[in-house]
Amino acid sequence: MITIEWLYTLAGLMFAAFAVLSAVDRSNPRRLGNGAFWGLMAASLLAGSRLGDFGNGLLVLGLAGVAGFGFIGRSDPPTTSEAERQAFSERLGNKLFLPALIIPATAFLGTLLYNYTPLGGSGIFEEKRETYILLGLGVLMALAVIFAWLRPPAVAPLQEGRRLIDAIGWAAVLPQMLAALGALFAAAGVGAVIGELTQSIIPEGSVFLTVAVFGLGMALFTMIMGNAFAAFPVMAAAIGVPILIKGFGGDPAVVGAIGMLAGFCGTLMTPMAANFNLVPAALLELKDKNGVIKAQIGTALPLLAANILLIYFLAFR
């Protein structure tokens, strides 16, 4: 059986390669810091399940220390030249995007085939992890197509990956850490404290104000944590379940689903959502690293207001 651990191993090997290539890159004055940072990431992915909570905690502290003291920096590894890229663009045009489309297509179609055909009975993939595993398989298939089609230098994908990950820097690990922070907040009872505070401030029986606080809270906690999935346990425990659903009899499906959408509005407005907002800025080499966020605020705020109204009108019919 192929388990999620296989995917962790694949990602860990990638980060290990980034670490080695960074450490030997004499053109980068912070090569040792980069090597240490991505090496710790590799260790977490390759051995995290065997290190235990204390060992993983030390790894996190190490990552924070290396990044916090400014030991990592942007690299400019040798890959294809600007002239080669221009030649590829002129010759192939939008066909260059085809390998990238292999990844989502493999994950989507593969998941459908596995779940709705006899293939699912084979047990080849770990239960409820097939989409993640197929996503990793799609990456490997896309790389195979690229090598067969474009014939880049053998190390080019790793060097390009290192260039991109160095451009993002420490923010690349924010989603994982902030998601863990959300679970920690929920376990520590932060949601219960917020719920008590909400009930003490909002007039009793005011459904709309409670919905508004829930929607705004989802957006704000998402902006703090960078991830709506991290904010949801806190706000659901604080307001969603005890007040809106149990107290006012709201529809759980509406409160949960549209509440998540309200959280996603916060995703559009925060640099903490590095994978959504900082990665595109790095990919597009924007001069303003917050340019994506500034462009999205005009969409996020009206959407947040609309989601609050949808919860109010649909969940309490």
C-alpha atoms as a PDB file:
ATOM      1  CA  MET A   1       0.000   0.000   0.000  1.00  0.00           C
ATOM      2  CA  ILE A   2       1.194   3.487  -0.892  1.00  0.00           C
ATOM      3  CA  THR A   3       0.714   5.713   2.151  1.00  0.00           C
ATOM      4  CA  ILE A   4       0.974   9.433   2.829  1.00  0.00           C
ATOM      5  CA  GLU A   5       4.432   8.725   4.244  1.00  0.00           C
ATOM      6  CA  TRP A   6       5.623   8.075   0.698  1.00  0.00           C
ATOM      7  CA  LEU A   7       4.585  11.615  -0.223  1.00  0.00           C
ATOM      8  CA  TYR A   8       6.329  13.019   2.848  1.00  0.00           C
ATOM      9  CA  THR A   9       9.455  11.143   1.797  1.00  0.00           C
ATOM     10  CA  LEU A  10       9.258  12.557  -1.731  1.00  0.00           C
ATOM     11  CA  ALA A  11       8.881  16.101  -0.411  1.00  0.00           C
ATOM     12  CA  GLY A  12      11.632  15.504   2.146  1.00  0.00           C
ATOM     13  CA  LEU A  13      14.044  14.349  -0.563  1.00  0.00           C
ATOM     14  CA  MET A  14      13.241  17.484  -2.545  1.00  0.00           C
ATOM     15  CA  PHE A  15      14.050  19.732   0.426  1.00  0.00           C
ATOM     16  CA  ALA A  16      17.184  17.691   1.122  1.00  0.00           C
ATOM     17  CA  ALA A  17      18.310  18.392  -2.445  1.00  0.00           C
ATOM     18  CA  PHE A  18      17.579  22.091  -1.940  1.00  0.00           C
ATOM     19  CA  ALA A  19      19.685  22.003   1.229  1.00  0.00           C
ATOM     20  CA  VAL A  20      22.666  20.358  -0.469  1.00  0.00           C
ATOM     21  CA  LEU A  21      22.511  22.619  -3.529  1.00  0.00           C
ATOM     22  CA  SER A  22      22.224  25.667  -1.278  1.00  0.00           C
ATOM     23  CA  ALA A  23      25.172  24.653   0.889  1.00  0.00           C
ATOM     24  CA  VAL A  24      27.504  24.272  -2.106  1.00  0.00           C
ATOM     25  CA  ASP A  25      26.332  27.453  -3.858  1.00  0.00           C
ATOM     26  CA  ARG A  26      29.297  29.779  -3.267  1.00  0.00           C
ATOM     27  CA  SER A  27      27.565  32.613  -5.129  1.00  0.00           C
ATOM     28  CA  ASN A  28      25.113  32.978  -2.222  1.00  0.00           C
ATOM     29  CA  PRO A  29      26.652  34.606   0.892  1.00  0.00           C
ATOM     30  CA  ARG A  30      23.960  32.987   3.031  1.00  0.00           C
ATOM     31  CA  ARG A  31      24.340  29.536   1.556  1.00  0.00           C
ATOM     32  CA  LEU A  32      24.933  27.830   4.894  1.00  0.00           C
ATOM     33  CA  GLY A  33      21.829  29.398   6.418  1.00  0.00           C
ATOM     34  CA  ASN A  34      19.730  28.311   3.439  1.00  0.00           C
ATOM     35  CA  GLY A  35      21.231  24.845   3.631  1.00  0.00           C
ATOM     36  CA  ALA A  36      20.440  24.589   7.332  1.00  0.00           C
ATOM     37  CA  PHE A  37      16.866  25.856   6.937  1.00  0.00           C
ATOM     38  CA  TRP A  38      15.892  23.530   4.110  1.00  0.00           C
ATOM     39  CA  GLY A  39      17.832  20.716   5.759  1.00  0.00           C
ATOM     40  CA  LEU A  40      15.658  21.066   8.862  1.00  0.00           C
ATOM     41  CA  MET A  41      12.568  21.011   6.657  1.00  0.00           C
ATOM     42  CA  ALA A  42      13.850  17.842   5.024  1.00  0.00           C
ATOM     43  CA  ALA A  43      14.461  16.249   8.422  1.00  0.00           C
ATOM     44  CA  SER A  44      10.926  17.105   9.523  1.00  0.00           C
ATOM     45  CA  LEU A  45       9.384  15.480   6.462  1.00  0.00           C
ATOM     46  CA  LEU A  46      11.673  12.472   6.335  1.00  0.00           C
ATOM     47  CA  ALA A  47      11.731  11.637  10.029  1.00  0.00           C
ATOM     48  CA  GLY A  48       8.998  13.708  11.667  1.00  0.00           C
ATOM     49  CA  SER A  49       6.770  10.723  12.436  1.00  0.00           C
ATOM     50  CA  ARG A  50       9.635   9.076  14.339  1.00  0.00           C
ATOM     51  CA  LEU A  51      10.984  12.118  16.193  1.00  0.00           C
ATOM     52  CA  GLY A  52       7.999  12.640  18.472  1.00  0.00           C
ATOM     53  CA  ASP A  53       6.522  15.906  19.710  1.00  0.00           C
ATOM     54  CA  PHE A  54       9.680  17.059  21.482  1.00  0.00           C
ATOM     55  CA  GLY A  55      11.932  16.374  18.505  1.00  0.00           C
ATOM     56  CA  ASN A  56       9.580  18.110  16.099  1.00  0.00           C
ATOM     57  CA  GLY A  57       9.327  21.031  18.499  1.00  0.00           C
ATOM     58  CA  LEU A  58      13.104  21.396  18.412  1.00  0.00           C
ATOM     59  CA  LEU A  59      12.997  21.351  14.603  1.00  0.00           C
ATOM     60  CA  VAL A  60      10.426  24.154  14.614  1.00  0.00           C
ATOM     61  CA  LEU A  61      12.554  26.185  17.017  1.00  0.00           C
ATOM     62  CA  GLY A  62      15.537  25.605  14.742  1.00  0.00           C
ATOM     63  CA  LEU A  63      13.592  26.819  11.705  1.00  0.00           C
ATOM     64  CA  ALA A  64      12.436  29.895  13.610  1.00  0.00           C
ATOM     65  CA  GLY A  65      15.959  30.626  14.820  1.00  0.00           C
ATOM     66  CA  VAL A  66      17.616  30.325  11.412  1.00  0.00           C
ATOM     67  CA  ALA A  67      14.966  32.521   9.768  1.00  0.00           C
ATOM     68  CA  GLY A  68      14.541  34.925  12.683  1.00  0.00           C
ATOM     69  CA  PHE A  69      18.226  35.798  12.858  1.00  0.00           C
ATOM     70  CA  GLY A  70      18.303  36.497   9.108  1.00  0.00           C
ATOM     71  CA  PHE A  71      20.545  33.596   8.125  1.00  0.00           C
ATOM     72  CA  ILE A  72      18.625  32.807   4.920  1.00  0.00           C
ATOM     73  CA  GLY A  73      18.653  34.778   1.690  1.00  0.00           C
ATOM     74  CA  ARG A  74      17.636  34.684  -1.939  1.00  0.00           C
ATOM     75  CA  SER A  75      19.739  32.669  -4.361  1.00  0.00           C
ATOM     76  CA  ASP A  76      20.172  32.875  -8.119  1.00  0.00           C
ATOM     77  CA  PRO A  77      21.133  29.360  -9.206  1.00  0.00           C
ATOM     78  CA  PRO A  78      22.148  28.613 -12.789  1.00  0.00           C
ATOM     79  CA  THR A  79      19.293  27.075 -14.772  1.00  0.00           C
ATOM     80  CA  THR A  80      18.201  27.931 -18.300  1.00  0.00           C
ATOM     81  CA  SER A  81      19.328  31.304 -19.607  1.00  0.00           C
ATOM     82  CA  GLU A  82      17.022  34.179 -20.489  1.00  0.00           C
ATOM     83  CA  ALA A  83      17.723  33.534 -24.174  1.00  0.00           C
ATOM     84  CA  GLU A  84      16.778  29.859 -23.837  1.00  0.00           C
ATOM     85  CA  ARG A  85      13.536  30.752 -22.089  1.00  0.00           C
ATOM     86  CA  GLN A  86      12.675  33.274 -24.769  1.00  0.00           C
ATOM     87  CA  ALA A  87      13.364  30.671 -27.451  1.00  0.00           C
ATOM     88  CA  PHE A  88      11.111  28.133 -25.723  1.00  0.00           C
ATOM     89  CA  SER A  89       8.377  30.764 -25.418  1.00  0.00           C
ATOM     90  CA  GLU A  90       8.519  31.770 -29.074  1.00  0.00           C
ATOM     91  CA  ARG A  91       8.622  28.183 -30.306  1.00  0.00           C
ATOM     92  CA  LEU A  92       6.030  26.572 -28.031  1.00  0.00           C
ATOM     93  CA  GLY A  93       3.862  29.422 -26.734  1.00  0.00           C
ATOM     94  CA  ASN A  94       1.107  28.307 -24.373  1.00  0.00           C
ATOM     95  CA  LYS A  95       2.008  24.655 -24.900  1.00  0.00           C
ATOM     96  CA  LEU A  96       4.604  25.203 -22.173  1.00  0.00           C
ATOM     97  CA  PHE A  97       1.753  25.093 -19.647  1.00  0.00           C
ATOM     98  CA  LEU A  98       0.717  21.560 -20.626  1.00  0.00           C
ATOM     99  CA  PRO A  99       3.049  19.766 -18.183  1.00  0.00           C
ATOM    100  CA  ALA A 100       1.692  21.885 -15.335  1.00  0.00           C
ATOM    101  CA  LEU A 101      -1.853  20.814 -16.218  1.00  0.00           C
ATOM    102  CA  ILE A 102      -0.878  17.176 -15.821  1.00  0.00           C
ATOM    103  CA  ILE A 103      -0.665  17.648 -12.038  1.00  0.00           C
ATOM    104  CA  PRO A 104      -4.280  18.718 -11.288  1.00  0.00           C
ATOM    105  CA  ALA A 105      -5.622  16.423 -14.013  1.00  0.00           C
ATOM    106  CA  THR A 106      -3.912  13.409 -12.443  1.00  0.00           C
ATOM    107  CA  ALA A 107      -5.167  14.301  -8.967  1.00  0.00           C
ATOM    108  CA  PHE A 108      -8.751  14.984 -10.106  1.00  0.00           C
ATOM    109  CA  LEU A 109      -9.291  12.206 -12.639  1.00  0.00           C
ATOM    110  CA  GLY A 110      -7.279   9.712 -10.624  1.00  0.00           C
ATOM    111  CA  THR A 111      -9.386  10.359  -7.523  1.00  0.00           C
ATOM    112  CA  LEU A 112     -12.611   9.897  -9.484  1.00  0.00           C
ATOM    113  CA  LEU A 113     -11.399   6.652 -11.038  1.00  0.00           C
ATOM    114  CA  TYR A 114     -10.166   5.329  -7.722  1.00  0.00           C
ATOM    115  CA  ASN A 115     -13.361   6.142  -5.821  1.00  0.00           C
ATOM    116  CA  TYR A 116     -15.966   5.256  -8.451  1.00  0.00           C
ATOM    117  CA  THR A 117     -14.505   2.205 -10.197  1.00  0.00           C
ATOM    118  CA  PRO A 118     -13.430  -1.243  -9.015  1.00  0.00           C
ATOM    119  CA  LEU A 119      -9.892   0.165  -8.795  1.00  0.00           C
ATOM    120  CA  GLY A 120     -10.794   1.495  -5.353  1.00  0.00           C
ATOM    121  CA  GLY A 121     -11.127  -2.039  -4.055  1.00  0.00           C
ATOM    122  CA  SER A 122      -7.482  -2.761  -4.782  1.00  0.00           C
ATOM    123  CA  GLY A 123      -6.377  -0.919  -1.646  1.00  0.00           C
ATOM    124  CA  ILE A 124      -3.278   0.390  -3.415  1.00  0.00           C
ATOM    125  CA  PHE A 125      -3.568   3.811  -1.729  1.00  0.00           C
ATOM    126  CA  GLU A 126      -4.013   4.644   1.938  1.00  0.00           C
ATOM    127  CA  GLU A 127      -7.672   5.325   2.690  1.00  0.00           C
ATOM    128  CA  LYS A 128      -8.718   8.994   2.371  1.00  0.00           C
ATOM    129  CA  ARG A 129      -5.221   9.940   1.214  1.00  0.00           C
ATOM    130  CA  GLU A 130      -5.535   9.002  -2.451  1.00  0.00           C
ATOM    131  CA  THR A 131      -5.893  12.594  -3.713  1.00  0.00           C
ATOM    132  CA  TYR A 132      -2.681  13.700  -1.993  1.00  0.00           C
ATOM    133  CA  ILE A 133      -0.784  10.681  -3.272  1.00  0.00           C
ATOM    134  CA  LEU A 134      -2.109  11.172  -6.797  1.00  0.00           C
ATOM    135  CA  LEU A 135      -1.070  14.827  -6.628  1.00  0.00           C
ATOM    136  CA  GLY A 136       2.501  13.708  -5.939  1.00  0.00           C
ATOM    137  CA  LEU A 137       2.239  11.151  -8.730  1.00  0.00           C
ATOM    138  CA  GLY A 138       1.073  13.932 -11.056  1.00  0.00           C
ATOM    139  CA  VAL A 139       4.193  15.946 -10.232  1.00  0.00           C
ATOM    140  CA  LEU A 140       6.415  13.001 -11.113  1.00  0.00           C
ATOM    141  CA  MET A 141       4.503  12.428 -14.364  1.00  0.00           C
ATOM    142  CA  ALA A 142       4.808  16.114 -15.289  1.00  0.00           C
ATOM    143  CA  LEU A 143       8.562  15.982 -14.672  1.00  0.00           C
ATOM    144  CA  ALA A 144       8.845  12.882 -16.851  1.00  0.00           C
ATOM    145  CA  VAL A 145       7.007  14.630 -19.686  1.00  0.00           C
ATOM    146  CA  ILE A 146       9.221  17.712 -19.352  1.00  0.00           C
ATOM    147  CA  PHE A 147      12.412  15.660 -19.561  1.00  0.00           C
ATOM    148  CA  ALA A 148      11.131  13.665 -22.540  1.00  0.00           C
ATOM    149  CA  TRP A 149       9.839  16.746 -24.346  1.00  0.00           C
ATOM    150  CA  LEU A 150      12.149  19.677 -23.537  1.00  0.00           C
ATOM    151  CA  ARG A 151      15.255  17.790 -22.360  1.00  0.00           C
ATOM    152  CA  PRO A 152      16.426  20.322 -19.753  1.00  0.00           C
ATOM    153  CA  PRO A 153      19.618  19.779 -17.723  1.00  0.00           C
ATOM    154  CA  ALA A 154      19.124  16.988 -15.190  1.00  0.00           C
ATOM    155  CA  VAL A 155      19.369  19.290 -12.190  1.00  0.00           C
ATOM    156  CA  ALA A 156      17.269  22.117 -13.695  1.00  0.00           C
ATOM    157  CA  PRO A 157      13.990  21.259 -11.876  1.00  0.00           C
ATOM    158  CA  LEU A 158      15.776  21.211  -8.515  1.00  0.00           C
ATOM    159  CA  GLN A 159      17.644  24.432  -9.228  1.00  0.00           C
ATOM    160  CA  GLU A 160      14.469  26.174 -10.391  1.00  0.00           C
ATOM    161  CA  GLY A 161      12.657  24.841  -7.351  1.00  0.00           C
ATOM    162  CA  ARG A 162      15.437  26.161  -5.121  1.00  0.00           C
ATOM    163  CA  ARG A 163      15.317  29.566  -6.811  1.00  0.00           C
ATOM    164  CA  LEU A 164      11.574  29.795  -6.216  1.00  0.00           C
ATOM    165  CA  ILE A 165      11.628  28.490  -2.642  1.00  0.00           C
ATOM    166  CA  ASP A 166      14.451  30.881  -1.755  1.00  0.00           C
ATOM    167  CA  ALA A 167      12.445  33.759  -3.239  1.00  0.00           C
ATOM    168  CA  ILE A 168       9.559  32.852  -0.924  1.00  0.00           C
ATOM    169  CA  GLY A 169      11.900  32.129   1.984  1.00  0.00           C
ATOM    170  CA  TRP A 170      10.644  31.300   5.469  1.00  0.00           C
ATOM    171  CA  ALA A 171       7.086  32.210   4.475  1.00  0.00           C
ATOM    172  CA  ALA A 172       6.887  28.892   2.625  1.00  0.00           C
ATOM    173  CA  VAL A 173       6.421  27.051   5.923  1.00  0.00           C
ATOM    174  CA  LEU A 174       3.831  29.471   7.337  1.00  0.00           C
ATOM    175  CA  PRO A 175       0.732  27.492   6.227  1.00  0.00           C
ATOM    176  CA  GLN A 176       1.849  24.355   8.081  1.00  0.00           C
ATOM    177  CA  MET A 177       2.844  26.219  11.231  1.00  0.00           C
ATOM    178  CA  LEU A 178      -0.258  28.388  11.319  1.00  0.00           C
ATOM    179  CA  ALA A 179      -2.557  25.410  10.788  1.00  0.00           C
ATOM    180  CA  ALA A 180      -0.894  23.761  13.771  1.00  0.00           C
ATOM    181  CA  LEU A 181      -1.363  26.992  15.711  1.00  0.00           C
ATOM    182  CA  GLY A 182      -5.097  26.889  14.998  1.00  0.00           C
ATOM    183  CA  ALA A 183      -5.363  23.366  16.400  1.00  0.00           C
ATOM    184  CA  LEU A 184      -3.351  24.483  19.428  1.00  0.00           C
ATOM    185  CA  PHE A 185      -5.674  27.444  20.037  1.00  0.00           C
ATOM    186  CA  ALA A 186      -8.699  25.172  19.836  1.00  0.00           C
ATOM    187  CA  ALA A 187      -7.159  22.671  22.275  1.00  0.00           C
ATOM    188  CA  ALA A 188      -6.236  25.485  24.670  1.00  0.00           C
ATOM    189  CA  GLY A 189      -9.842  26.670  24.854  1.00  0.00           C
ATOM    190  CA  VAL A 190      -9.404  29.981  23.026  1.00  0.00           C
ATOM    191  CA  GLY A 191     -12.733  29.384  21.295  1.00  0.00           C
ATOM    192  CA  ALA A 192     -14.580  29.095  24.606  1.00  0.00           C
ATOM    193  CA  VAL A 193     -13.067  32.370  25.828  1.00  0.00           C
ATOM    194  CA  ILE A 194     -14.087  34.183  22.635  1.00  0.00           C
ATOM    195  CA  GLY A 195     -17.574  32.684  22.898  1.00  0.00           C
ATOM    196  CA  GLU A 196     -18.033  33.979  26.450  1.00  0.00           C
ATOM    197  CA  LEU A 197     -16.782  37.408  25.437  1.00  0.00           C
ATOM    198  CA  THR A 198     -19.153  37.482  22.456  1.00  0.00           C
ATOM    199  CA  GLN A 199     -22.160  36.555  24.580  1.00  0.00           C
ATOM    200  CA  SER A 200     -21.298  39.243  27.115  1.00  0.00           C
ATOM    201  CA  ILE A 201     -21.115  41.990  24.471  1.00  0.00           C
ATOM    202  CA  ILE A 202     -23.845  41.118  21.957  1.00  0.00           C
ATOM    203  CA  PRO A 203     -27.453  41.731  23.089  1.00  0.00           C
ATOM    204  CA  GLU A 204     -29.265  38.471  23.844  1.00  0.00           C
ATOM    205  CA  GLY A 205     -31.244  37.155  20.882  1.00  0.00           C
ATOM    206  CA  SER A 206     -29.481  39.296  18.261  1.00  0.00           C
ATOM    207  CA  VAL A 207     -28.988  36.800  15.461  1.00  0.00           C
ATOM    208  CA  PHE A 208     -27.638  39.260  12.906  1.00  0.00           C
ATOM    209  CA  LEU A 209     -24.965  40.733  15.189  1.00  0.00           C
ATOM    210  CA  THR A 210     -23.861  37.230  16.177  1.00  0.00           C
ATOM    211  CA  VAL A 211     -23.620  36.215  12.530  1.00  0.00           C
ATOM    212  CA  ALA A 212     -21.665  39.381  11.774  1.00  0.00           C
ATOM    213  CA  VAL A 213     -19.208  38.716  14.600  1.00  0.00           C
ATOM    214  CA  PHE A 214     -18.833  35.114  13.427  1.00  0.00           C
ATOM    215  CA  GLY A 215     -18.111  36.162   9.827  1.00  0.00           C
ATOM    216  CA  LEU A 216     -15.759  38.982  10.819  1.00  0.00           C
ATOM    217  CA  GLY A 217     -14.055  36.696  13.330  1.00  0.00           C
ATOM    218  CA  MET A 218     -13.489  34.049  10.672  1.00  0.00           C
ATOM    219  CA  ALA A 219     -11.904  36.658   8.399  1.00  0.00           C
ATOM    220  CA  LEU A 220      -9.759  38.220  11.141  1.00  0.00           C
ATOM    221  CA  PHE A 221      -8.529  34.926  12.584  1.00  0.00           C
ATOM    222  CA  THR A 222      -7.730  33.779   9.060  1.00  0.00           C
ATOM    223  CA  MET A 223      -5.694  36.941   8.520  1.00  0.00           C
ATOM    224  CA  ILE A 224      -3.802  36.224  11.739  1.00  0.00           C
ATOM    225  CA  MET A 225      -3.269  32.523  11.082  1.00  0.00           C
ATOM    226  CA  GLY A 226      -3.066  32.685   7.301  1.00  0.00           C
ATOM    227  CA  ASN A 227      -5.436  29.763   6.874  1.00  0.00           C
ATOM    228  CA  ALA A 228      -9.227  29.525   7.143  1.00  0.00           C
ATOM    229  CA  PHE A 229      -8.914  25.872   8.133  1.00  0.00           C
ATOM    230  CA  ALA A 230      -6.882  26.995  11.148  1.00  0.00           C
ATOM    231  CA  ALA A 231      -9.393  29.717  12.053  1.00  0.00           C
ATOM    232  CA  PHE A 232     -12.469  27.522  11.732  1.00  0.00           C
ATOM    233  CA  PRO A 233     -11.971  25.313  14.842  1.00  0.00           C
ATOM    234  CA  VAL A 234     -11.578  28.425  16.987  1.00  0.00           C
ATOM    235  CA  MET A 235     -14.604  30.325  15.653  1.00  0.00           C
ATOM    236  CA  ALA A 236     -16.763  27.210  15.405  1.00  0.00           C
ATOM    237  CA  ALA A 237     -16.086  26.431  19.074  1.00  0.00           C
ATOM    238  CA  ALA A 238     -16.593  30.064  20.048  1.00  0.00           C
ATOM    239  CA  ILE A 239     -19.713  31.079  18.109  1.00  0.00           C
ATOM    240  CA  GLY A 240     -20.635  28.744  15.260  1.00  0.00           C
ATOM    241  CA  VAL A 241     -21.693  25.623  17.179  1.00  0.00           C
ATOM    242  CA  PRO A 242     -22.756  26.846  20.653  1.00  0.00           C
ATOM    243  CA  ILE A 243     -24.558  30.029  19.619  1.00  0.00           C
ATOM    244  CA  LEU A 244     -25.552  29.985  15.956  1.00  0.00           C
ATOM    245  CA  ILE A 245     -26.359  26.281  15.638  1.00  0.00           C
ATOM    246  CA  LYS A 246     -27.383  25.139  19.118  1.00  0.00           C
ATOM    247  CA  GLY A 247     -28.586  28.482  20.453  1.00  0.00           C
ATOM    248  CA  PHE A 248     -30.391  29.937  17.435  1.00  0.00           C
ATOM    249  CA  GLY A 249     -31.053  26.691  15.543  1.00  0.00           C
ATOM    250  CA  GLY A 250     -29.021  27.613  12.471  1.00  0.00           C
ATOM    251  CA  ASP A 251     -28.430  25.156   9.634  1.00  0.00           C
ATOM    252  CA  PRO A 252     -25.014  23.550  10.331  1.00  0.00           C
ATOM    253  CA  ALA A 253     -24.260  23.111   6.628  1.00  0.00           C
ATOM    254  CA  VAL A 254     -24.852  26.790   5.863  1.00  0.00           C
ATOM    255  CA  VAL A 255     -23.018  28.073   8.935  1.00  0.00           C
ATOM    256  CA  GLY A 256     -20.034  25.810   8.297  1.00  0.00           C
ATOM    257  CA  ALA A 257     -19.734  26.141   4.526  1.00  0.00           C
ATOM    258  CA  ILE A 258     -20.367  29.875   4.199  1.00  0.00           C
ATOM    259  CA  GLY A 259     -18.419  30.526   7.387  1.00  0.00           C
ATOM    260  CA  MET A 260     -15.411  28.994   5.668  1.00  0.00           C
ATOM    261  CA  LEU A 261     -16.012  31.287   2.683  1.00  0.00           C
ATOM    262  CA  ALA A 262     -15.973  34.252   5.056  1.00  0.00           C
ATOM    263  CA  GLY A 263     -12.616  33.004   6.304  1.00  0.00           C
ATOM    264  CA  PHE A 264     -11.307  32.769   2.756  1.00  0.00           C
ATOM    265  CA  CYS A 265     -12.066  36.477   2.378  1.00  0.00           C
ATOM    266  CA  GLY A 266      -9.451  37.008   5.079  1.00  0.00           C
ATOM    267  CA  THR A 267      -7.049  34.836   3.099  1.00  0.00           C
ATOM    268  CA  LEU A 268      -7.186  37.384   0.290  1.00  0.00           C
ATOM    269  CA  MET A 269      -6.049  40.181   2.586  1.00  0.00           C
ATOM    270  CA  THR A 270      -3.082  38.803   4.520  1.00  0.00           C
ATOM    271  CA  PRO A 271       0.601  38.112   3.836  1.00  0.00           C
ATOM    272  CA  MET A 272       0.328  35.247   6.324  1.00  0.00           C
ATOM    273  CA  ALA A 273      -1.373  33.268   3.535  1.00  0.00           C
ATOM    274  CA  ALA A 274       1.995  32.947   1.870  1.00  0.00           C
ATOM    275  CA  ASN A 275       1.046  30.203  -0.572  1.00  0.00           C
ATOM    276  CA  PHE A 276      -1.768  32.343  -2.017  1.00  0.00           C
ATOM    277  CA  ASN A 277      -0.377  35.853  -1.820  1.00  0.00           C
ATOM    278  CA  LEU A 278       3.422  35.794  -1.605  1.00  0.00           C
ATOM    279  CA  VAL A 279       4.082  32.912  -3.991  1.00  0.00           C
ATOM    280  CA  PRO A 280       2.330  34.645  -6.946  1.00  0.00           C
ATOM    281  CA  ALA A 281       4.247  37.841  -6.185  1.00  0.00           C
ATOM    282  CA  ALA A 282       7.494  35.865  -6.245  1.00  0.00           C
ATOM    283  CA  LEU A 283       6.528  33.979  -9.404  1.00  0.00           C
ATOM    284  CA  LEU A 284       5.617  37.194 -11.205  1.00  0.00           C
ATOM    285  CA  GLU A 285       8.679  38.962  -9.731  1.00  0.00           C
ATOM    286  CA  LEU A 286       6.543  41.898  -8.624  1.00  0.00           C
ATOM    287  CA  LYS A 287       8.400  44.867  -7.159  1.00  0.00           C
ATOM    288  CA  ASP A 288       5.716  45.186  -4.472  1.00  0.00           C
ATOM    289  CA  LYS A 289       5.541  41.853  -2.615  1.00  0.00           C
ATOM    290  CA  ASN A 290       2.103  42.881  -1.284  1.00  0.00           C
ATOM    291  CA  GLY A 291       0.820  43.775  -4.738  1.00  0.00           C
ATOM    292  CA  VAL A 292      -1.408  40.689  -4.942  1.00  0.00           C
ATOM    293  CA  ILE A 293      -3.028  41.517  -1.592  1.00  0.00           C
ATOM    294  CA  LYS A 294      -3.680  45.132  -2.555  1.00  0.00           C
ATOM    295  CA  ALA A 295      -5.355  43.998  -5.775  1.00  0.00           C
ATOM    296  CA  GLN A 296      -7.603  41.568  -3.880  1.00  0.00           C
ATOM    297  CA  ILE A 297      -8.901  43.800  -1.075  1.00  0.00           C
ATOM    298  CA  GLY A 298     -11.551  45.375  -3.314  1.00  0.00           C
ATOM    299  CA  THR A 299     -12.946  41.900  -3.956  1.00  0.00           C
ATOM    300  CA  ALA A 300     -12.517  40.493  -0.445  1.00  0.00           C
ATOM    301  CA  LEU A 301     -14.491  43.110   1.512  1.00  0.00           C
ATOM    302  CA  PRO A 302     -17.717  42.975  -0.576  1.00  0.00           C
ATOM    303  CA  LEU A 303     -17.503  39.172  -0.589  1.00  0.00           C
ATOM    304  CA  LEU A 304     -17.196  39.135   3.197  1.00  0.00           C
ATOM    305  CA  ALA A 305     -20.308  41.313   3.546  1.00  0.00           C
ATOM    306  CA  ALA A 306     -22.168  39.066   1.092  1.00  0.00           C
ATOM    307  CA  ASN A 307     -21.195  35.916   3.003  1.00  0.00           C
ATOM    308  CA  ILE A 308     -22.414  37.396   6.296  1.00  0.00           C
ATOM    309  CA  LEU A 309     -25.770  38.213   4.680  1.00  0.00           C
ATOM    310  CA  LEU A 310     -25.991  34.740   3.144  1.00  0.00           C
ATOM    311  CA  ILE A 311     -25.470  33.076   6.516  1.00  0.00           C
ATOM    312  CA  TYR A 312     -28.135  35.302   8.090  1.00  0.00           C
ATOM    313  CA  PHE A 313     -30.762  34.760   5.400  1.00  0.00           C
ATOM    314  CA  LEU A 314     -30.088  31.093   4.577  1.00  0.00           C
ATOM    315  CA  ALA A 315     -29.207  29.493   7.900  1.00  0.00           C
ATOM    316  CA  PHE A 316     -32.226  30.728   9.862  1.00  0.00           C
ATOM    317  CA  ARG A 317     -35.132  30.261   7.466  1.00  0.00           C
END
